[in-house]
């Protein structure tokens, strides 16, 4: 995962730190080297360093300090610049979009800048851009950071190309006008709160590449009526579809090894655990199948059971 820190190094850490963990880092550390594929960055990993907010795009936000050197001194090879309505950073071989400064409307992200591919959309790059109505993401992009389009309340549709392999948590949270989304066939996980509060989203098809739907991924999608789970999904976390009062059915591919659907109700594959009874099913009574021995973490039932 790219967090904007991968050009730093841990050369100044003590040998104990390098072999046993980050907590031994002394205040002489002036730089951090984090791989682009890092998926999360905990709050207390580097306890001796403070005041530099790491951009994670994941579930938590760590704090790191460069106590002796300014950021620009640590990263002499980086170059921040502008291209049209975009602020970007040149990382040598790829470009990262850091911020959008335009007036909105139909927004097209460039595929290249300075003859280099635009590969990353930074954490909250388009956060709160309430005037954007549509987004075209080029096939050069492989990474969409956490909260990238959070609060884009006029955004109605987005197509995520197959080149994208990672979409961060809260990426489209609060996009209240979003009615349709095409998820990349290369994405393996729908992160936590990715589409939280997308109140105009009516249906979702999970592509066959996805194995995990994280907690609260579609919570509060009040117009969502149907969800189709592909055969590849092996983990659906707690409250992934909580607070969806119109959701009448959760459909599951019959080849799925972990889940099954009976009349739109989500069960485990053996149908011994009732996982989710959709809020939009409006029967006055519901007969639990005789095979069920456990009712899972169902936060609300639309009908008594």
C-alpha atoms as a PDB file:
ATOM      1  CA  UNK A   1       0.000   0.000   0.000  1.00  0.00           C
ATOM      2  CA  UNK A   2       1.252   3.464  -0.802  1.00  0.00           C
ATOM      3  CA  UNK A   3       1.129   5.815   2.178  1.00  0.00           C
ATOM      4  CA  UNK A   4       3.381   8.557   0.914  1.00  0.00           C
ATOM      5  CA  UNK A   5       6.331   7.412   3.028  1.00  0.00           C
ATOM      6  CA  UNK A   6       8.045   4.802   0.903  1.00  0.00           C
ATOM      7  CA  UNK A   7      11.042   6.981   0.033  1.00  0.00           C
ATOM      8  CA  UNK A   8      12.209   7.110   3.646  1.00  0.00           C
ATOM      9  CA  UNK A   9      14.646   4.671   5.244  1.00  0.00           C
ATOM     10  CA  UNK A  10      15.140   3.140   8.687  1.00  0.00           C
ATOM     11  CA  UNK A  11      18.931   3.307   8.478  1.00  0.00           C
ATOM     12  CA  UNK A  12      19.204   5.229  11.744  1.00  0.00           C
ATOM     13  CA  UNK A  13      17.278   2.670  13.800  1.00  0.00           C
ATOM     14  CA  UNK A  14      19.227   0.588  16.287  1.00  0.00           C
ATOM     15  CA  UNK A  15      20.103  -3.006  15.257  1.00  0.00           C
ATOM     16  CA  UNK A  16      17.605  -4.239  17.831  1.00  0.00           C
ATOM     17  CA  UNK A  17      14.851  -2.312  16.093  1.00  0.00           C
ATOM     18  CA  UNK A  18      15.688  -3.706  12.694  1.00  0.00           C
ATOM     19  CA  UNK A  19      15.625  -7.283  13.966  1.00  0.00           C
ATOM     20  CA  UNK A  20      12.909  -7.234  16.640  1.00  0.00           C
ATOM     21  CA  UNK A  21      10.474  -4.443  15.819  1.00  0.00           C
ATOM     22  CA  UNK A  22       9.766  -0.769  15.451  1.00  0.00           C
ATOM     23  CA  UNK A  23       9.182   0.100  19.094  1.00  0.00           C
ATOM     24  CA  UNK A  24      12.948   0.401  19.775  1.00  0.00           C
ATOM     25  CA  UNK A  25      13.447   3.278  17.352  1.00  0.00           C
ATOM     26  CA  UNK A  26      15.237   6.181  19.009  1.00  0.00           C
ATOM     27  CA  UNK A  27      14.676   9.841  18.351  1.00  0.00           C
ATOM     28  CA  UNK A  28      17.637   9.795  15.990  1.00  0.00           C
ATOM     29  CA  UNK A  29      15.433   8.220  13.340  1.00  0.00           C
ATOM     30  CA  UNK A  30      14.869  10.758  10.606  1.00  0.00           C
ATOM     31  CA  UNK A  31      13.070   8.721   7.993  1.00  0.00           C
ATOM     32  CA  UNK A  32      10.702   5.812   7.469  1.00  0.00           C
ATOM     33  CA  UNK A  33      10.663   3.375   4.554  1.00  0.00           C
ATOM     34  CA  UNK A  34       7.238   1.794   4.061  1.00  0.00           C
ATOM     35  CA  UNK A  35       6.465  -0.490   1.102  1.00  0.00           C
ATOM     36  CA  UNK A  36       3.711   0.535  -1.293  1.00  0.00           C
ATOM     37  CA  UNK A  37       1.791  -2.677  -0.543  1.00  0.00           C
ATOM     38  CA  UNK A  38       1.553  -1.975   3.201  1.00  0.00           C
ATOM     39  CA  UNK A  39      -2.149  -2.469   3.988  1.00  0.00           C
ATOM     40  CA  UNK A  40      -2.401  -0.698   7.327  1.00  0.00           C
ATOM     41  CA  UNK A  41      -0.388   1.479   9.684  1.00  0.00           C
ATOM     42  CA  UNK A  42      -1.125   1.174  13.404  1.00  0.00           C
ATOM     43  CA  UNK A  43      -1.339   4.118  15.758  1.00  0.00           C
ATOM     44  CA  UNK A  44       1.428   3.030  18.118  1.00  0.00           C
ATOM     45  CA  UNK A  45       3.929   1.260  15.872  1.00  0.00           C
ATOM     46  CA  UNK A  46       6.562   3.974  16.200  1.00  0.00           C
ATOM     47  CA  UNK A  47       6.024   5.195  19.746  1.00  0.00           C
ATOM     48  CA  UNK A  48       9.192   7.295  19.938  1.00  0.00           C
ATOM     49  CA  UNK A  49       8.265   9.312  16.876  1.00  0.00           C
ATOM     50  CA  UNK A  50       5.377  11.747  16.901  1.00  0.00           C
ATOM     51  CA  UNK A  51       3.693  14.599  15.063  1.00  0.00           C
ATOM     52  CA  UNK A  52       3.882  13.480  11.443  1.00  0.00           C
ATOM     53  CA  UNK A  53       0.475  12.171  10.335  1.00  0.00           C
ATOM     54  CA  UNK A  54       0.810   9.136   8.113  1.00  0.00           C
ATOM     55  CA  UNK A  55      -1.643   8.852   5.262  1.00  0.00           C
ATOM     56  CA  UNK A  56      -2.840   5.300   5.493  1.00  0.00           C
ATOM     57  CA  UNK A  57      -6.074   4.877   3.566  1.00  0.00           C
ATOM     58  CA  UNK A  58      -6.613   1.884   5.839  1.00  0.00           C
ATOM     59  CA  UNK A  59      -8.396   1.419   9.158  1.00  0.00           C
ATOM     60  CA  UNK A  60      -6.175   3.544  11.382  1.00  0.00           C
ATOM     61  CA  UNK A  61      -3.929   6.557  11.164  1.00  0.00           C
ATOM     62  CA  UNK A  62      -0.456   6.393  12.612  1.00  0.00           C
ATOM     63  CA  UNK A  63       1.660   9.344  13.710  1.00  0.00           C
ATOM     64  CA  UNK A  64       5.309   9.641  12.814  1.00  0.00           C
ATOM     65  CA  UNK A  65       7.832  12.406  13.418  1.00  0.00           C
ATOM     66  CA  UNK A  66      10.851  13.443  11.530  1.00  0.00           C
ATOM     67  CA  UNK A  67      12.372  15.320  14.492  1.00  0.00           C
ATOM     68  CA  UNK A  68      15.596  16.513  12.900  1.00  0.00           C
ATOM     69  CA  UNK A  69      14.817  17.143   9.266  1.00  0.00           C
ATOM     70  CA  UNK A  70      12.015  18.811   7.390  1.00  0.00           C
ATOM     71  CA  UNK A  71      10.094  16.562   5.039  1.00  0.00           C
ATOM     72  CA  UNK A  72      11.509  18.262   1.988  1.00  0.00           C
ATOM     73  CA  UNK A  73      15.040  17.536   3.192  1.00  0.00           C
ATOM     74  CA  UNK A  74      14.269  13.854   3.661  1.00  0.00           C
ATOM     75  CA  UNK A  75      12.777  13.511   0.196  1.00  0.00           C
ATOM     76  CA  UNK A  76      14.967  15.448  -2.214  1.00  0.00           C
ATOM     77  CA  UNK A  77      13.950  13.235  -5.131  1.00  0.00           C
ATOM     78  CA  UNK A  78      10.250  14.038  -4.874  1.00  0.00           C
ATOM     79  CA  UNK A  79       8.701  16.852  -6.849  1.00  0.00           C
ATOM     80  CA  UNK A  80       5.252  18.289  -6.162  1.00  0.00           C
ATOM     81  CA  UNK A  81       3.653  20.238  -8.971  1.00  0.00           C
ATOM     82  CA  UNK A  82       0.362  21.073 -10.670  1.00  0.00           C
ATOM     83  CA  UNK A  83      -1.172  19.853 -13.919  1.00  0.00           C
ATOM     84  CA  UNK A  84      -4.418  21.542 -14.880  1.00  0.00           C
ATOM     85  CA  UNK A  85      -6.808  21.058 -11.957  1.00  0.00           C
ATOM     86  CA  UNK A  86      -4.604  18.520 -10.186  1.00  0.00           C
ATOM     87  CA  UNK A  87      -1.849  18.734  -7.615  1.00  0.00           C
ATOM     88  CA  UNK A  88       0.482  15.780  -8.046  1.00  0.00           C
ATOM     89  CA  UNK A  89       3.746  14.295  -6.852  1.00  0.00           C
ATOM     90  CA  UNK A  90       6.329  12.831  -9.196  1.00  0.00           C
ATOM     91  CA  UNK A  91       7.822   9.692  -7.617  1.00  0.00           C
ATOM     92  CA  UNK A  92      10.261   9.090 -10.446  1.00  0.00           C
ATOM     93  CA  UNK A  93       8.532   6.381 -12.433  1.00  0.00           C
ATOM     94  CA  UNK A  94       4.919   7.085 -11.472  1.00  0.00           C
ATOM     95  CA  UNK A  95       2.643  10.006 -10.664  1.00  0.00           C
ATOM     96  CA  UNK A  96       0.371  10.326  -7.632  1.00  0.00           C
ATOM     97  CA  UNK A  97      -2.665  12.617  -7.722  1.00  0.00           C
ATOM     98  CA  UNK A  98      -2.661  14.446  -4.387  1.00  0.00           C
ATOM     99  CA  UNK A  99      -5.528  16.914  -4.688  1.00  0.00           C
ATOM    100  CA  UNK A 100      -8.169  18.183  -7.090  1.00  0.00           C
ATOM    101  CA  UNK A 101      -8.596  21.938  -7.353  1.00  0.00           C
ATOM    102  CA  UNK A 102     -11.063  22.213 -10.234  1.00  0.00           C
ATOM    103  CA  UNK A 103     -14.645  23.459 -10.409  1.00  0.00           C
ATOM    104  CA  UNK A 104     -16.297  20.037 -10.675  1.00  0.00           C
ATOM    105  CA  UNK A 105     -18.685  18.620 -13.232  1.00  0.00           C
ATOM    106  CA  UNK A 106     -17.564  15.646 -15.329  1.00  0.00           C
ATOM    107  CA  UNK A 107     -14.010  15.081 -14.127  1.00  0.00           C
ATOM    108  CA  UNK A 108     -11.434  13.108 -16.107  1.00  0.00           C
ATOM    109  CA  UNK A 109      -8.259  11.992 -14.365  1.00  0.00           C
ATOM    110  CA  UNK A 110      -5.321  12.129 -16.802  1.00  0.00           C
ATOM    111  CA  UNK A 111      -3.640   8.835 -17.698  1.00  0.00           C
ATOM    112  CA  UNK A 112      -0.196  10.425 -17.874  1.00  0.00           C
ATOM    113  CA  UNK A 113       1.537  13.532 -16.615  1.00  0.00           C
ATOM    114  CA  UNK A 114       4.985  14.446 -17.932  1.00  0.00           C
ATOM    115  CA  UNK A 115       4.933  11.175 -19.910  1.00  0.00           C
ATOM    116  CA  UNK A 116       4.660   9.138 -16.695  1.00  0.00           C
ATOM    117  CA  UNK A 117       1.642   7.003 -15.752  1.00  0.00           C
ATOM    118  CA  UNK A 118      -0.791   8.266 -13.143  1.00  0.00           C
ATOM    119  CA  UNK A 119      -0.812   5.180 -10.921  1.00  0.00           C
ATOM    120  CA  UNK A 120      -2.013   6.384  -7.517  1.00  0.00           C
ATOM    121  CA  UNK A 121      -4.905   8.464  -6.205  1.00  0.00           C
ATOM    122  CA  UNK A 122      -3.835   9.729  -2.812  1.00  0.00           C
ATOM    123  CA  UNK A 123      -5.694   9.566   0.501  1.00  0.00           C
ATOM    124  CA  UNK A 124      -8.629  12.033   0.363  1.00  0.00           C
ATOM    125  CA  UNK A 125      -7.465  13.472  -2.951  1.00  0.00           C
ATOM    126  CA  UNK A 126     -11.035  14.461  -3.908  1.00  0.00           C
ATOM    127  CA  UNK A 127     -12.457  14.653  -0.380  1.00  0.00           C
ATOM    128  CA  UNK A 128     -15.478  16.930  -0.089  1.00  0.00           C
ATOM    129  CA  UNK A 129     -15.509  17.934  -3.778  1.00  0.00           C
ATOM    130  CA  UNK A 130     -19.275  18.386  -3.775  1.00  0.00           C
ATOM    131  CA  UNK A 131     -19.475  19.685  -7.367  1.00  0.00           C
ATOM    132  CA  UNK A 132     -18.015  16.619  -9.119  1.00  0.00           C
ATOM    133  CA  UNK A 133     -20.802  14.775 -10.984  1.00  0.00           C
ATOM    134  CA  UNK A 134     -18.849  11.938 -12.626  1.00  0.00           C
ATOM    135  CA  UNK A 135     -15.347  10.504 -12.577  1.00  0.00           C
ATOM    136  CA  UNK A 136     -13.377   8.827 -15.337  1.00  0.00           C
ATOM    137  CA  UNK A 137     -10.465   6.856 -13.912  1.00  0.00           C
ATOM    138  CA  UNK A 138      -7.819   5.843 -16.476  1.00  0.00           C
ATOM    139  CA  UNK A 139      -6.494   2.301 -16.792  1.00  0.00           C
ATOM    140  CA  UNK A 140      -3.091   3.481 -15.575  1.00  0.00           C
ATOM    141  CA  UNK A 141      -4.433   3.761 -12.000  1.00  0.00           C
ATOM    142  CA  UNK A 142      -3.756   0.779  -9.730  1.00  0.00           C
ATOM    143  CA  UNK A 143      -4.457   2.286  -6.295  1.00  0.00           C
ATOM    144  CA  UNK A 144      -7.311   4.399  -4.890  1.00  0.00           C
ATOM    145  CA  UNK A 145      -6.509   5.669  -1.408  1.00  0.00           C
ATOM    146  CA  UNK A 146      -8.768   5.727   1.617  1.00  0.00           C
ATOM    147  CA  UNK A 147     -11.409   8.457   1.575  1.00  0.00           C
ATOM    148  CA  UNK A 148     -10.356   9.399  -1.956  1.00  0.00           C
ATOM    149  CA  UNK A 149     -13.873  10.460  -3.016  1.00  0.00           C
ATOM    150  CA  UNK A 150     -15.456  10.719   0.426  1.00  0.00           C
ATOM    151  CA  UNK A 151     -18.168  13.370   0.643  1.00  0.00           C
ATOM    152  CA  UNK A 152     -18.474  13.921  -3.121  1.00  0.00           C
ATOM    153  CA  UNK A 153     -22.201  14.403  -2.726  1.00  0.00           C
ATOM    154  CA  UNK A 154     -22.970  15.175  -6.413  1.00  0.00           C
ATOM    155  CA  UNK A 155     -21.089  12.182  -7.813  1.00  0.00           C
ATOM    156  CA  UNK A 156     -23.646   9.986  -9.607  1.00  0.00           C
ATOM    157  CA  UNK A 157     -21.571   7.270 -11.250  1.00  0.00           C
ATOM    158  CA  UNK A 158     -18.066   5.871 -11.311  1.00  0.00           C
ATOM    159  CA  UNK A 159     -16.413   3.060 -13.241  1.00  0.00           C
ATOM    160  CA  UNK A 160     -13.328   1.584 -11.643  1.00  0.00           C
ATOM    161  CA  UNK A 161     -11.070   0.066 -14.330  1.00  0.00           C
ATOM    162  CA  UNK A 162      -9.674  -3.462 -14.102  1.00  0.00           C
ATOM    163  CA  UNK A 163      -6.199  -2.054 -13.486  1.00  0.00           C
ATOM    164  CA  UNK A 164      -7.215  -1.003  -9.945  1.00  0.00           C
ATOM    165  CA  UNK A 165      -6.188  -3.626  -7.392  1.00  0.00           C
ATOM    166  CA  UNK A 166      -6.789  -1.680  -4.170  1.00  0.00           C
ATOM    167  CA  UNK A 167      -9.590   0.612  -2.982  1.00  0.00           C
ATOM    168  CA  UNK A 168      -9.067   2.033   0.487  1.00  0.00           C
ATOM    169  CA  UNK A 169     -11.521   2.256   3.345  1.00  0.00           C
ATOM    170  CA  UNK A 170     -14.131   5.046   3.159  1.00  0.00           C
ATOM    171  CA  UNK A 171     -13.178   5.609  -0.483  1.00  0.00           C
ATOM    172  CA  UNK A 172     -16.737   6.570  -1.526  1.00  0.00           C
ATOM    173  CA  UNK A 173     -18.290   7.156   1.887  1.00  0.00           C
ATOM    174  CA  UNK A 174     -21.057   9.734   1.879  1.00  0.00           C
ATOM    175  CA  UNK A 175     -21.394   9.911  -1.915  1.00  0.00           C
ATOM    176  CA  UNK A 176     -25.120  10.413  -1.492  1.00  0.00           C
ATOM    177  CA  UNK A 177     -25.922  10.819  -5.229  1.00  0.00           C
ATOM    178  CA  UNK A 178     -24.018   7.724  -6.349  1.00  0.00           C
ATOM    179  CA  UNK A 179     -26.536   5.460  -8.092  1.00  0.00           C
ATOM    180  CA  UNK A 180     -24.232   2.962  -9.761  1.00  0.00           C
ATOM    181  CA  UNK A 181     -20.691   1.718  -9.380  1.00  0.00           C
ATOM    182  CA  UNK A 182     -18.703  -0.784 -11.410  1.00  0.00           C
ATOM    183  CA  UNK A 183     -16.076  -2.384  -9.196  1.00  0.00           C
ATOM    184  CA  UNK A 184     -12.790  -3.414 -10.759  1.00  0.00           C
ATOM    185  CA  UNK A 185     -12.442  -7.112 -11.516  1.00  0.00           C
ATOM    186  CA  UNK A 186      -8.962  -7.000  -9.954  1.00  0.00           C
ATOM    187  CA  UNK A 187     -10.036  -5.793  -6.493  1.00  0.00           C
ATOM    188  CA  UNK A 188      -9.842  -8.556  -3.869  1.00  0.00           C
ATOM    189  CA  UNK A 189     -11.377  -6.762  -0.896  1.00  0.00           C
ATOM    190  CA  UNK A 190     -14.133  -4.183  -0.434  1.00  0.00           C
ATOM    191  CA  UNK A 191     -12.711  -2.256   2.470  1.00  0.00           C
ATOM    192  CA  UNK A 192     -14.462  -1.024   5.567  1.00  0.00           C
ATOM    193  CA  UNK A 193     -17.040   1.727   4.995  1.00  0.00           C
ATOM    194  CA  UNK A 194     -16.056   1.863   1.312  1.00  0.00           C
ATOM    195  CA  UNK A 195     -19.631   2.755   0.286  1.00  0.00           C
ATOM    196  CA  UNK A 196     -20.985   3.735   3.687  1.00  0.00           C
ATOM    197  CA  UNK A 197     -23.917   6.140   3.458  1.00  0.00           C
ATOM    198  CA  UNK A 198     -24.260   6.003  -0.331  1.00  0.00           C
ATOM    199  CA  UNK A 199     -27.972   6.600   0.024  1.00  0.00           C
ATOM    200  CA  UNK A 200     -28.816   6.549  -3.726  1.00  0.00           C
ATOM    201  CA  UNK A 201     -27.017   3.290  -4.565  1.00  0.00           C
ATOM    202  CA  UNK A 202     -29.677   0.798  -5.700  1.00  0.00           C
ATOM    203  CA  UNK A 203     -27.818  -2.404  -6.578  1.00  0.00           C
ATOM    204  CA  UNK A 204     -24.361  -3.916  -6.301  1.00  0.00           C
ATOM    205  CA  UNK A 205     -22.727  -6.867  -8.043  1.00  0.00           C
ATOM    206  CA  UNK A 206     -19.585  -8.107  -6.342  1.00  0.00           C
ATOM    207  CA  UNK A 207     -16.992  -9.177  -8.968  1.00  0.00           C
ATOM    208  CA  UNK A 208     -15.454 -12.640  -8.948  1.00  0.00           C
ATOM    209  CA  UNK A 209     -12.085 -11.280  -7.797  1.00  0.00           C
ATOM    210  CA  UNK A 210     -13.406 -10.177  -4.395  1.00  0.00           C
ATOM    211  CA  UNK A 211     -12.836 -12.523  -1.455  1.00  0.00           C
ATOM    212  CA  UNK A 212     -13.677 -10.214   1.475  1.00  0.00           C
ATOM    213  CA  UNK A 213     -16.413  -7.658   2.185  1.00  0.00           C
ATOM    214  CA  UNK A 214     -15.304  -5.760   5.265  1.00  0.00           C
ATOM    215  CA  UNK A 215     -17.245  -4.332   8.191  1.00  0.00           C
ATOM    216  CA  UNK A 216     -19.796  -1.597   7.354  1.00  0.00           C
ATOM    217  CA  UNK A 217     -18.832  -1.726   3.661  1.00  0.00           C
ATOM    218  CA  UNK A 218     -22.380  -0.895   2.509  1.00  0.00           C
ATOM    219  CA  UNK A 219     -23.897   0.259   5.787  1.00  0.00           C
ATOM    220  CA  UNK A 220     -26.469   3.020   5.458  1.00  0.00           C
ATOM    221  CA  UNK A 221     -27.086   2.464   1.749  1.00  0.00           C
ATOM    222  CA  UNK A 222     -30.762   3.238   2.217  1.00  0.00           C
ATOM    223  CA  UNK A 223     -31.792   2.721  -1.446  1.00  0.00           C
ATOM    224  CA  UNK A 224     -29.975  -0.573  -1.919  1.00  0.00           C
ATOM    225  CA  UNK A 225     -32.497  -3.242  -2.952  1.00  0.00           C
ATOM    226  CA  UNK A 226     -30.358  -6.145  -4.136  1.00  0.00           C
ATOM    227  CA  UNK A 227     -26.844  -7.514  -3.664  1.00  0.00           C
ATOM    228  CA  UNK A 228     -25.278 -10.330  -5.663  1.00  0.00           C
ATOM    229  CA  UNK A 229     -22.380 -12.182  -4.032  1.00  0.00           C
ATOM    230  CA  UNK A 230     -19.972 -13.939  -6.386  1.00  0.00           C
ATOM    231  CA  UNK A 231     -18.534 -17.422  -5.930  1.00  0.00           C
ATOM    232  CA  UNK A 232     -15.174 -16.033  -4.781  1.00  0.00           C
ATOM    233  CA  UNK A 233     -16.366 -14.285  -1.594  1.00  0.00           C
ATOM    234  CA  UNK A 234     -15.274 -16.241   1.469  1.00  0.00           C
ATOM    235  CA  UNK A 235     -15.606 -13.560   4.174  1.00  0.00           C
ATOM    236  CA  UNK A 236     -18.482 -11.151   4.817  1.00  0.00           C
ATOM    237  CA  UNK A 237     -17.748  -9.169   7.941  1.00  0.00           C
ATOM    238  CA  UNK A 238     -20.178  -8.034  10.613  1.00  0.00           C
ATOM    239  CA  UNK A 239     -22.721  -5.351   9.582  1.00  0.00           C
ATOM    240  CA  UNK A 240     -21.506  -5.183   5.979  1.00  0.00           C
ATOM    241  CA  UNK A 241     -25.125  -4.504   4.899  1.00  0.00           C
ATOM    242  CA  UNK A 242     -26.518  -3.035   8.099  1.00  0.00           C
ATOM    243  CA  UNK A 243     -28.932  -0.108   7.865  1.00  0.00           C
ATOM    244  CA  UNK A 244     -30.186  -0.906   4.359  1.00  0.00           C
ATOM    245  CA  UNK A 245     -33.973  -0.723   4.895  1.00  0.00           C
ATOM    246  CA  UNK A 246     -34.848  -1.486   1.234  1.00  0.00           C
ATOM    247  CA  UNK A 247     -32.503  -4.437   0.823  1.00  0.00           C
ATOM    248  CA  UNK A 248     -34.923  -7.244   0.003  1.00  0.00           C
ATOM    249  CA  UNK A 249     -32.506  -9.945  -1.067  1.00  0.00           C
ATOM    250  CA  UNK A 250     -28.901 -11.033  -0.837  1.00  0.00           C
ATOM    251  CA  UNK A 251     -28.210 -13.407  -3.723  1.00  0.00           C
ATOM    252  CA  UNK A 252     -25.256 -15.802  -3.683  1.00  0.00           C
ATOM    253  CA  UNK A 253     -23.684 -17.675  -6.572  1.00  0.00           C
ATOM    254  CA  UNK A 254     -24.460 -21.360  -6.108  1.00  0.00           C
ATOM    255  CA  UNK A 255     -20.764 -22.191  -6.561  1.00  0.00           C
ATOM    256  CA  UNK A 256     -19.764 -20.119  -3.529  1.00  0.00           C
ATOM    257  CA  UNK A 257     -17.988 -22.419  -1.020  1.00  0.00           C
ATOM    258  CA  UNK A 258     -18.790 -20.353   2.078  1.00  0.00           C
ATOM    259  CA  UNK A 259     -22.264 -18.830   1.708  1.00  0.00           C
ATOM    260  CA  UNK A 260     -25.745 -19.676   0.457  1.00  0.00           C
ATOM    261  CA  UNK A 261     -28.957 -17.750  -0.095  1.00  0.00           C
ATOM    262  CA  UNK A 262     -32.470 -19.052   0.530  1.00  0.00           C
ATOM    263  CA  UNK A 263     -35.271 -16.717  -0.544  1.00  0.00           C
ATOM    264  CA  UNK A 264     -32.816 -13.826  -0.354  1.00  0.00           C
ATOM    265  CA  UNK A 265     -31.685 -14.603   3.214  1.00  0.00           C
ATOM    266  CA  UNK A 266     -27.945 -15.100   3.763  1.00  0.00           C
ATOM    267  CA  UNK A 267     -26.718 -18.344   5.345  1.00  0.00           C
ATOM    268  CA  UNK A 268     -23.446 -20.177   5.662  1.00  0.00           C
ATOM    269  CA  UNK A 269     -22.878 -22.858   3.033  1.00  0.00           C
ATOM    270  CA  UNK A 270     -24.229 -25.687   5.216  1.00  0.00           C
ATOM    271  CA  UNK A 271     -27.258 -23.551   6.117  1.00  0.00           C
ATOM    272  CA  UNK A 272     -26.658 -24.097   9.824  1.00  0.00           C
ATOM    273  CA  UNK A 273     -26.087 -20.394  10.529  1.00  0.00           C
ATOM    274  CA  UNK A 274     -28.478 -17.608   9.591  1.00  0.00           C
ATOM    275  CA  UNK A 275     -26.140 -14.704   8.915  1.00  0.00           C
ATOM    276  CA  UNK A 276     -28.298 -11.839   7.626  1.00  0.00           C
ATOM    277  CA  UNK A 277     -32.014 -11.389   7.212  1.00  0.00           C
ATOM    278  CA  UNK A 278     -32.316  -8.386   4.849  1.00  0.00           C
ATOM    279  CA  UNK A 279     -34.021  -5.336   6.330  1.00  0.00           C
ATOM    280  CA  UNK A 280     -36.194  -4.929   3.233  1.00  0.00           C
ATOM    281  CA  UNK A 281     -37.952  -8.282   3.510  1.00  0.00           C
ATOM    282  CA  UNK A 282     -41.359  -7.289   4.795  1.00  0.00           C
ATOM    283  CA  UNK A 283     -42.981 -10.566   5.758  1.00  0.00           C
ATOM    284  CA  UNK A 284     -44.855 -10.414   9.030  1.00  0.00           C
ATOM    285  CA  UNK A 285     -43.427 -13.808  10.044  1.00  0.00           C
ATOM    286  CA  UNK A 286     -40.396 -15.829   9.087  1.00  0.00           C
ATOM    287  CA  UNK A 287     -39.867 -19.550   9.572  1.00  0.00           C
ATOM    288  CA  UNK A 288     -36.241 -20.346  10.277  1.00  0.00           C
ATOM    289  CA  UNK A 289     -35.135 -23.461   8.360  1.00  0.00           C
ATOM    290  CA  UNK A 290     -34.846 -26.577  10.525  1.00  0.00           C
ATOM    291  CA  UNK A 291     -31.160 -26.943   9.595  1.00  0.00           C
ATOM    292  CA  UNK A 292     -30.246 -23.718  11.448  1.00  0.00           C
ATOM    293  CA  UNK A 293     -28.499 -24.132  14.782  1.00  0.00           C
ATOM    294  CA  UNK A 294     -27.016 -20.634  15.096  1.00  0.00           C
ATOM    295  CA  UNK A 295     -28.190 -17.124  14.391  1.00  0.00           C
ATOM    296  CA  UNK A 296     -25.180 -15.006  13.630  1.00  0.00           C
ATOM    297  CA  UNK A 297     -24.454 -11.391  14.365  1.00  0.00           C
ATOM    298  CA  UNK A 298     -27.624 -10.034  12.776  1.00  0.00           C
ATOM    299  CA  UNK A 299     -28.010  -6.490  14.063  1.00  0.00           C
ATOM    300  CA  UNK A 300     -31.598  -6.071  12.942  1.00  0.00           C
ATOM    301  CA  UNK A 301     -34.385  -8.240  11.562  1.00  0.00           C
ATOM    302  CA  UNK A 302     -37.157  -6.805   9.410  1.00  0.00           C
ATOM    303  CA  UNK A 303     -39.569  -9.416  10.725  1.00  0.00           C
ATOM    304  CA  UNK A 304     -39.802 -11.463  13.918  1.00  0.00           C
ATOM    305  CA  UNK A 305     -38.217 -14.906  13.793  1.00  0.00           C
END
